[in-house]
PDB file of N, CA and C in Angstrom:
ATOM      1  N   MET A   1      70.323 153.943  46.607  1.00  0.00           N
ATOM      2  CA  MET A   1      70.545 152.546  46.311  1.00  0.00           C
ATOM      3  C   MET A   1      69.414 152.003  45.467  1.00  0.00           C
ATOM      4  N   ASN A   2      69.744 151.107  44.571  1.00  0.00           N
ATOM      5  CA  ASN A   2      68.756 150.476  43.714  1.00  0.00           C
ATOM      6  C   ASN A   2      68.391 149.119  44.289  1.00  0.00           C
ATOM      7  N   PHE A   3      67.144 148.960  44.746  1.00  0.00           N
ATOM      8  CA  PHE A   3      66.708 147.716  45.354  1.00  0.00           C
ATOM      9  C   PHE A   3      65.788 146.913  44.436  1.00  0.00           C
ATOM     10  N   ILE A   4      65.796 147.176  43.133  1.00  0.00           N
ATOM     11  CA  ILE A   4      64.874 146.511  42.216  1.00  0.00           C
ATOM     12  C   ILE A   4      65.588 145.361  41.502  1.00  0.00           C
ATOM     13  N   TYR A   5      66.348 144.584  42.227  1.00  0.00           N
ATOM     14  CA  TYR A   5      67.127 143.499  41.633  1.00  0.00           C
ATOM     15  C   TYR A   5      66.247 142.413  41.033  1.00  0.00           C
ATOM     16  N   HIS A   6      65.176 142.026  41.702  1.00  0.00           N
ATOM     17  CA  HIS A   6      64.362 140.904  41.250  1.00  0.00           C
ATOM     18  C   HIS A   6      63.604 141.186  39.965  1.00  0.00           C
ATOM     19  N   LEU A   7      63.550 142.418  39.529  1.00  0.00           N
ATOM     20  CA  LEU A   7      62.857 142.745  38.290  1.00  0.00           C
ATOM     21  C   LEU A   7      63.770 142.633  37.077  1.00  0.00           C
ATOM     22  N   GLY A   8      64.983 142.128  37.292  1.00  0.00           N
ATOM     23  CA  GLY A   8      65.894 141.935  36.191  1.00  0.00           C
ATOM     24  C   GLY A   8      66.679 143.175  35.824  1.00  0.00           C
ATOM     25  N   VAL A   9      66.527 144.242  36.582  1.00  0.00           N
ATOM     26  CA  VAL A   9      67.245 145.467  36.292  1.00  0.00           C
ATOM     27  C   VAL A   9      68.725 145.287  36.582  1.00  0.00           C
ATOM     28  N   ASP A  10      69.035 144.548  37.619  1.00  0.00           N
ATOM     29  CA  ASP A  10      70.408 144.343  38.036  1.00  0.00           C
ATOM     30  C   ASP A  10      70.431 143.116  38.928  1.00  0.00           C
ATOM     31  N   ALA A  11      71.551 142.459  39.030  1.00  0.00           N
ATOM     32  CA  ALA A  11      71.683 141.330  39.941  1.00  0.00           C
ATOM     33  C   ALA A  11      72.539 141.778  41.121  1.00  0.00           C
ATOM     34  N   MET A  12      72.151 141.364  42.312  1.00  0.00           N
ATOM     35  CA  MET A  12      72.914 141.744  43.483  1.00  0.00           C
ATOM     36  C   MET A  12      74.205 140.933  43.504  1.00  0.00           C
ATOM     37  N   THR A  13      75.316 141.611  43.516  1.00  0.00           N
ATOM     38  CA  THR A  13      76.620 140.955  43.540  1.00  0.00           C
ATOM     39  C   THR A  13      77.003 140.594  44.975  1.00  0.00           C
ATOM     40  N   GLN A  14      78.030 139.774  45.110  1.00  0.00           N
ATOM     41  CA  GLN A  14      78.547 139.441  46.435  1.00  0.00           C
ATOM     42  C   GLN A  14      79.008 140.703  47.159  1.00  0.00           C
ATOM     43  N   GLN A  15      79.617 141.623  46.433  1.00  0.00           N
ATOM     44  CA  GLN A  15      80.078 142.866  47.051  1.00  0.00           C
ATOM     45  C   GLN A  15      78.890 143.698  47.539  1.00  0.00           C
ATOM     46  N   ALA A  16      77.855 143.793  46.726  1.00  0.00           N
ATOM     47  CA  ALA A  16      76.663 144.533  47.141  1.00  0.00           C
ATOM     48  C   ALA A  16      76.011 143.855  48.342  1.00  0.00           C
ATOM     49  N   LEU A  17      75.967 142.514  48.325  1.00  0.00           N
ATOM     50  CA  LEU A  17      75.428 141.774  49.459  1.00  0.00           C
ATOM     51  C   LEU A  17      76.169 142.152  50.737  1.00  0.00           C
ATOM     52  N   ARG A  18      77.483 142.123  50.688  1.00  0.00           N
ATOM     53  CA  ARG A  18      78.283 142.454  51.873  1.00  0.00           C
ATOM     54  C   ARG A  18      78.009 143.885  52.347  1.00  0.00           C
ATOM     55  N   GLU A  19      77.960 144.817  51.419  1.00  0.00           N
ATOM     56  CA  GLU A  19      77.696 146.214  51.782  1.00  0.00           C
ATOM     57  C   GLU A  19      76.328 146.359  52.447  1.00  0.00           C
ATOM     58  N   HIS A  20      75.319 145.689  51.896  1.00  0.00           N
ATOM     59  CA  HIS A  20      73.976 145.762  52.460  1.00  0.00           C
ATOM     60  C   HIS A  20      73.921 145.116  53.842  1.00  0.00           C
ATOM     61  N   LEU A  21      74.601 143.981  54.001  1.00  0.00           N
ATOM     62  CA  LEU A  21      74.618 143.321  55.304  1.00  0.00           C
ATOM     63  C   LEU A  21      75.326 144.181  56.351  1.00  0.00           C
ATOM     64  N   PHE A  22      76.468 144.776  55.987  1.00  0.00           N
ATOM     65  CA  PHE A  22      77.156 145.679  56.916  1.00  0.00           C
ATOM     66  C   PHE A  22      76.229 146.824  57.335  1.00  0.00           C
ATOM     67  N   TYR A  23      75.527 147.386  56.374  1.00  0.00           N
ATOM     68  CA  TYR A  23      74.590 148.475  56.653  1.00  0.00           C
ATOM     69  C   TYR A  23      73.526 148.031  57.663  1.00  0.00           C
ATOM     70  N   LEU A  24      72.894 146.882  57.397  1.00  0.00           N
ATOM     71  CA  LEU A  24      71.832 146.397  58.276  1.00  0.00           C
ATOM     72  C   LEU A  24      72.356 146.070  59.675  1.00  0.00           C
ATOM     73  N   ILE A  25      73.516 145.446  59.734  1.00  0.00           N
ATOM     74  CA  ILE A  25      74.096 145.096  61.035  1.00  0.00           C
ATOM     75  C   ILE A  25      74.419 146.359  61.822  1.00  0.00           C
ATOM     76  N   ASN A  26      75.042 147.324  61.172  1.00  0.00           N
ATOM     77  CA  ASN A  26      75.385 148.574  61.866  1.00  0.00           C
ATOM     78  C   ASN A  26      74.156 149.318  62.357  1.00  0.00           C
ATOM     79  N   LYS A  27      73.065 149.203  61.632  1.00  0.00           N
ATOM     80  CA  LYS A  27      71.853 149.936  62.000  1.00  0.00           C
ATOM     81  C   LYS A  27      71.026 149.224  63.068  1.00  0.00           C
ATOM     82  N   TYR A  28      70.954 147.892  63.014  1.00  0.00           N
ATOM     83  CA  TYR A  28      69.981 147.181  63.843  1.00  0.00           C
ATOM     84  C   TYR A  28      70.560 146.301  64.950  1.00  0.00           C
ATOM     85  N   VAL A  29      71.848 146.028  64.921  1.00  0.00           N
ATOM     86  CA  VAL A  29      72.436 145.141  65.929  1.00  0.00           C
ATOM     87  C   VAL A  29      73.195 145.985  66.952  1.00  0.00           C
ATOM     88  N   PRO A  30      72.971 145.707  68.237  1.00  0.00           N
ATOM     89  CA  PRO A  30      73.727 146.434  69.263  1.00  0.00           C
ATOM     90  C   PRO A  30      75.234 146.258  69.031  1.00  0.00           C
ATOM     91  N   GLU A  31      75.972 147.319  69.269  1.00  0.00           N
ATOM     92  CA  GLU A  31      77.407 147.326  68.980  1.00  0.00           C
ATOM     93  C   GLU A  31      78.141 146.148  69.618  1.00  0.00           C
ATOM     94  N   SER A  32      77.736 145.750  70.791  1.00  0.00           N
ATOM     95  CA  SER A  32      78.415 144.657  71.490  1.00  0.00           C
ATOM     96  C   SER A  32      78.244 143.305  70.799  1.00  0.00           C
ATOM     97  N   ASN A  33      77.300 143.185  69.872  1.00  0.00           N
ATOM     98  CA  ASN A  33      77.039 141.918  69.175  1.00  0.00           C
ATOM     99  C   ASN A  33      77.507 141.909  67.724  1.00  0.00           C
ATOM    100  N   ARG A  34      78.112 142.959  67.249  1.00  0.00           N
ATOM    101  CA  ARG A  34      78.403 143.081  65.818  1.00  0.00           C
ATOM    102  C   ARG A  34      79.595 142.266  65.325  1.00  0.00           C
ATOM    103  N   SER A  35      80.600 142.024  66.145  1.00  0.00           N
ATOM    104  CA  SER A  35      81.845 141.427  65.652  1.00  0.00           C
ATOM    105  C   SER A  35      81.631 140.053  65.017  1.00  0.00           C
ATOM    106  N   ASP A  36      80.785 139.214  65.602  1.00  0.00           N
ATOM    107  CA  ASP A  36      80.529 137.893  65.010  1.00  0.00           C
ATOM    108  C   ASP A  36      79.875 138.019  63.634  1.00  0.00           C
ATOM    109  N   PHE A  37      78.973 138.985  63.494  1.00  0.00           N
ATOM    110  CA  PHE A  37      78.343 139.225  62.196  1.00  0.00           C
ATOM    111  C   PHE A  37      79.388 139.632  61.160  1.00  0.00           C
ATOM    112  N   PHE A  38      80.278 140.550  61.547  1.00  0.00           N
ATOM    113  CA  PHE A  38      81.277 141.041  60.604  1.00  0.00           C
ATOM    114  C   PHE A  38      82.205 139.922  60.145  1.00  0.00           C
ATOM    115  N   GLU A  39      82.582 139.031  61.056  1.00  0.00           N
ATOM    116  CA  GLU A  39      83.418 137.894  60.676  1.00  0.00           C
ATOM    117  C   GLU A  39      82.702 137.022  59.653  1.00  0.00           C
ATOM    118  N   SER A  40      81.433 136.783  59.862  1.00  0.00           N
ATOM    119  CA  SER A  40      80.663 135.950  58.928  1.00  0.00           C
ATOM    120  C   SER A  40      80.526 136.608  57.562  1.00  0.00           C
ATOM    121  N   ILE A  41      80.286 137.910  57.547  1.00  0.00           N
ATOM    122  CA  ILE A  41      80.119 138.629  56.284  1.00  0.00           C
ATOM    123  C   ILE A  41      81.393 138.573  55.441  1.00  0.00           C
ATOM    124  N   LEU A  42      82.537 138.525  56.081  1.00  0.00           N
ATOM    125  CA  LEU A  42      83.813 138.529  55.363  1.00  0.00           C
ATOM    126  C   LEU A  42      84.254 137.150  54.874  1.00  0.00           C
ATOM    127  N   LYS A  43      83.525 136.102  55.195  1.00  0.00           N
ATOM    128  CA  LYS A  43      83.870 134.764  54.716  1.00  0.00           C
ATOM    129  C   LYS A  43      83.709 134.700  53.202  1.00  0.00           C
ATOM    130  N   ASP A  44      84.493 133.801  52.578  1.00  0.00           N
ATOM    131  CA  ASP A  44      84.384 133.626  51.125  1.00  0.00           C
ATOM    132  C   ASP A  44      82.962 133.238  50.724  1.00  0.00           C
ATOM    133  N   ASP A  45      82.368 132.323  51.470  1.00  0.00           N
ATOM    134  CA  ASP A  45      80.994 131.892  51.212  1.00  0.00           C
ATOM    135  C   ASP A  45      80.130 132.454  52.337  1.00  0.00           C
ATOM    136  N   VAL A  46      79.514 133.596  52.098  1.00  0.00           N
ATOM    137  CA  VAL A  46      78.747 134.302  53.128  1.00  0.00           C
ATOM    138  C   VAL A  46      77.548 133.455  53.554  1.00  0.00           C
ATOM    139  N   PRO A  47      77.427 133.109  54.850  1.00  0.00           N
ATOM    140  CA  PRO A  47      76.293 132.320  55.332  1.00  0.00           C
ATOM    141  C   PRO A  47      75.049 133.203  55.536  1.00  0.00           C
ATOM    142  N   VAL A  48      74.439 133.574  54.432  1.00  0.00           N
ATOM    143  CA  VAL A  48      73.373 134.575  54.435  1.00  0.00           C
ATOM    144  C   VAL A  48      72.209 134.176  55.342  1.00  0.00           C
ATOM    145  N   LYS A  49      71.724 132.950  55.211  1.00  0.00           N
ATOM    146  CA  LYS A  49      70.576 132.534  56.025  1.00  0.00           C
ATOM    147  C   LYS A  49      70.870 132.650  57.509  1.00  0.00           C
ATOM    148  N   GLY A  50      72.042 132.215  57.918  1.00  0.00           N
ATOM    149  CA  GLY A  50      72.417 132.293  59.329  1.00  0.00           C
ATOM    150  C   GLY A  50      72.535 133.722  59.815  1.00  0.00           C
ATOM    151  N   ILE A  51      73.126 134.573  58.991  1.00  0.00           N
ATOM    152  CA  ILE A  51      73.272 135.984  59.357  1.00  0.00           C
ATOM    153  C   ILE A  51      71.903 136.624  59.530  1.00  0.00           C
ATOM    154  N   LEU A  52      71.002 136.367  58.587  1.00  0.00           N
ATOM    155  CA  LEU A  52      69.681 136.987  58.662  1.00  0.00           C
ATOM    156  C   LEU A  52      68.864 136.445  59.832  1.00  0.00           C
ATOM    157  N   ALA A  53      69.013 135.167  60.116  1.00  0.00           N
ATOM    158  CA  ALA A  53      68.308 134.590  61.272  1.00  0.00           C
ATOM    159  C   ALA A  53      68.820 135.218  62.570  1.00  0.00           C
ATOM    160  N   ASP A  54      70.146 135.348  62.678  1.00  0.00           N
ATOM    161  CA  ASP A  54      70.735 135.961  63.875  1.00  0.00           C
ATOM    162  C   ASP A  54      70.375 137.435  63.973  1.00  0.00           C
ATOM    163  N   LEU A  55      70.347 138.122  62.839  1.00  0.00           N
ATOM    164  CA  LEU A  55      69.954 139.533  62.830  1.00  0.00           C
ATOM    165  C   LEU A  55      68.541 139.687  63.393  1.00  0.00           C
ATOM    166  N   ASN A  56      67.639 138.843  62.955  1.00  0.00           N
ATOM    167  CA  ASN A  56      66.261 138.906  63.429  1.00  0.00           C
ATOM    168  C   ASN A  56      66.177 138.645  64.937  1.00  0.00           C
ATOM    169  N   ARG A  57      67.032 137.776  65.422  1.00  0.00           N
ATOM    170  CA  ARG A  57      67.029 137.407  66.831  1.00  0.00           C
ATOM    171  C   ARG A  57      67.578 138.521  67.731  1.00  0.00           C
ATOM    172  N   VAL A  58      68.610 139.250  67.286  1.00  0.00           N
ATOM    173  CA  VAL A  58      69.278 140.212  68.179  1.00  0.00           C
ATOM    174  C   VAL A  58      68.979 141.680  67.878  1.00  0.00           C
ATOM    175  N   LYS A  59      68.301 141.973  66.781  1.00  0.00           N
ATOM    176  CA  LYS A  59      68.051 143.393  66.469  1.00  0.00           C
ATOM    177  C   LYS A  59      67.303 144.050  67.619  1.00  0.00           C
ATOM    178  N   ASP A  60      67.662 145.306  67.872  1.00  0.00           N
ATOM    179  CA  ASP A  60      67.099 145.975  69.045  1.00  0.00           C
ATOM    180  C   ASP A  60      65.988 146.967  68.716  1.00  0.00           C
ATOM    181  N   VAL A  61      65.654 147.133  67.437  1.00  0.00           N
ATOM    182  CA  VAL A  61      64.541 147.984  67.024  1.00  0.00           C
ATOM    183  C   VAL A  61      63.841 147.335  65.828  1.00  0.00           C
ATOM    184  N   THR A  62      62.613 147.729  65.569  1.00  0.00           N
ATOM    185  CA  THR A  62      61.876 147.232  64.418  1.00  0.00           C
ATOM    186  C   THR A  62      62.470 147.813  63.141  1.00  0.00           C
ATOM    187  N   MET A  63      62.613 146.971  62.137  1.00  0.00           N
ATOM    188  CA  MET A  63      63.187 147.386  60.861  1.00  0.00           C
ATOM    189  C   MET A  63      62.199 148.290  60.120  1.00  0.00           C
ATOM    190  N   ASP A  64      62.703 149.382  59.538  1.00  0.00           N
ATOM    191  CA  ASP A  64      61.815 150.257  58.783  1.00  0.00           C
ATOM    192  C   ASP A  64      61.486 149.641  57.427  1.00  0.00           C
ATOM    193  N   GLU A  65      60.516 150.211  56.733  1.00  0.00           N
ATOM    194  CA  GLU A  65      60.005 149.636  55.489  1.00  0.00           C
ATOM    195  C   GLU A  65      61.078 149.509  54.408  1.00  0.00           C
ATOM    196  N   LYS A  66      61.884 150.527  54.234  1.00  0.00           N
ATOM    197  CA  LYS A  66      62.941 150.510  53.217  1.00  0.00           C
ATOM    198  C   LYS A  66      63.924 149.371  53.476  1.00  0.00           C
ATOM    199  N   ASP A  67      64.294 149.207  54.732  1.00  0.00           N
ATOM    200  CA  ASP A  67      65.234 148.144  55.068  1.00  0.00           C
ATOM    201  C   ASP A  67      64.570 146.769  54.980  1.00  0.00           C
ATOM    202  N   GLY A  68      63.281 146.703  55.238  1.00  0.00           N
ATOM    203  CA  GLY A  68      62.542 145.460  55.041  1.00  0.00           C
ATOM    204  C   GLY A  68      62.553 145.050  53.573  1.00  0.00           C
ATOM    205  N   ASP A  69      62.422 146.028  52.684  1.00  0.00           N
ATOM    206  CA  ASP A  69      62.510 145.751  51.241  1.00  0.00           C
ATOM    207  C   ASP A  69      63.898 145.226  50.885  1.00  0.00           C
ATOM    208  N   LEU A  70      64.930 145.840  51.455  1.00  0.00           N
ATOM    209  CA  LEU A  70      66.296 145.391  51.209  1.00  0.00           C
ATOM    210  C   LEU A  70      66.468 143.959  51.699  1.00  0.00           C
ATOM    211  N   LEU A  71      65.949 143.659  52.863  1.00  0.00           N
ATOM    212  CA  LEU A  71      66.037 142.313  53.417  1.00  0.00           C
ATOM    213  C   LEU A  71      65.360 141.302  52.491  1.00  0.00           C
ATOM    214  N   ARG A  72      64.214 141.640  51.940  1.00  0.00           N
ATOM    215  CA  ARG A  72      63.529 140.755  50.993  1.00  0.00           C
ATOM    216  C   ARG A  72      64.360 140.545  49.726  1.00  0.00           C
ATOM    217  N   GLU A  73      65.031 141.578  49.271  1.00  0.00           N
ATOM    218  CA  GLU A  73      65.883 141.446  48.088  1.00  0.00           C
ATOM    219  C   GLU A  73      67.060 140.506  48.364  1.00  0.00           C
ATOM    220  N   ILE A  74      67.622 140.612  49.551  1.00  0.00           N
ATOM    221  CA  ILE A  74      68.719 139.711  49.924  1.00  0.00           C
ATOM    222  C   ILE A  74      68.208 138.272  49.938  1.00  0.00           C
ATOM    223  N   TYR A  75      67.055 138.041  50.564  1.00  0.00           N
ATOM    224  CA  TYR A  75      66.458 136.702  50.579  1.00  0.00           C
ATOM    225  C   TYR A  75      66.216 136.208  49.159  1.00  0.00           C
ATOM    226  N   PHE A  76      65.660 137.064  48.313  1.00  0.00           N
ATOM    227  CA  PHE A  76      65.353 136.675  46.938  1.00  0.00           C
ATOM    228  C   PHE A  76      66.602 136.246  46.179  1.00  0.00           C
ATOM    229  N   ASN A  77      67.688 136.972  46.361  1.00  0.00           N
ATOM    230  CA  ASN A  77      68.910 136.714  45.601  1.00  0.00           C
ATOM    231  C   ASN A  77      69.807 135.643  46.189  1.00  0.00           C
ATOM    232  N   PHE A  78      69.749 135.405  47.495  1.00  0.00           N
ATOM    233  CA  PHE A  78      70.745 134.540  48.129  1.00  0.00           C
ATOM    234  C   PHE A  78      70.188 133.417  48.988  1.00  0.00           C
ATOM    235  N   CYS A  79      68.883 133.312  49.139  1.00  0.00           N
ATOM    236  CA  CYS A  79      68.331 132.236  49.998  1.00  0.00           C
ATOM    237  C   CYS A  79      67.381 131.357  49.212  1.00  0.00           C
TER     238      CYS A  79
END
């Protein structure tokens, strides 16, 4: 995956945003809490700030460095 969006190499699209959010949710959110996240991700206007705030609140492990970079890219492009 190319995470160098903020350098002007590429812009993160809504589709890429959704794919990245699904990835992060599947990796860091306990399975019993995922359905609400998935519903939000599929909305026409993705509530990115709310999703990321909730992700931070319910994640069950510390995010690794690569995923932290991805999270910063999402914030840069959508918050």
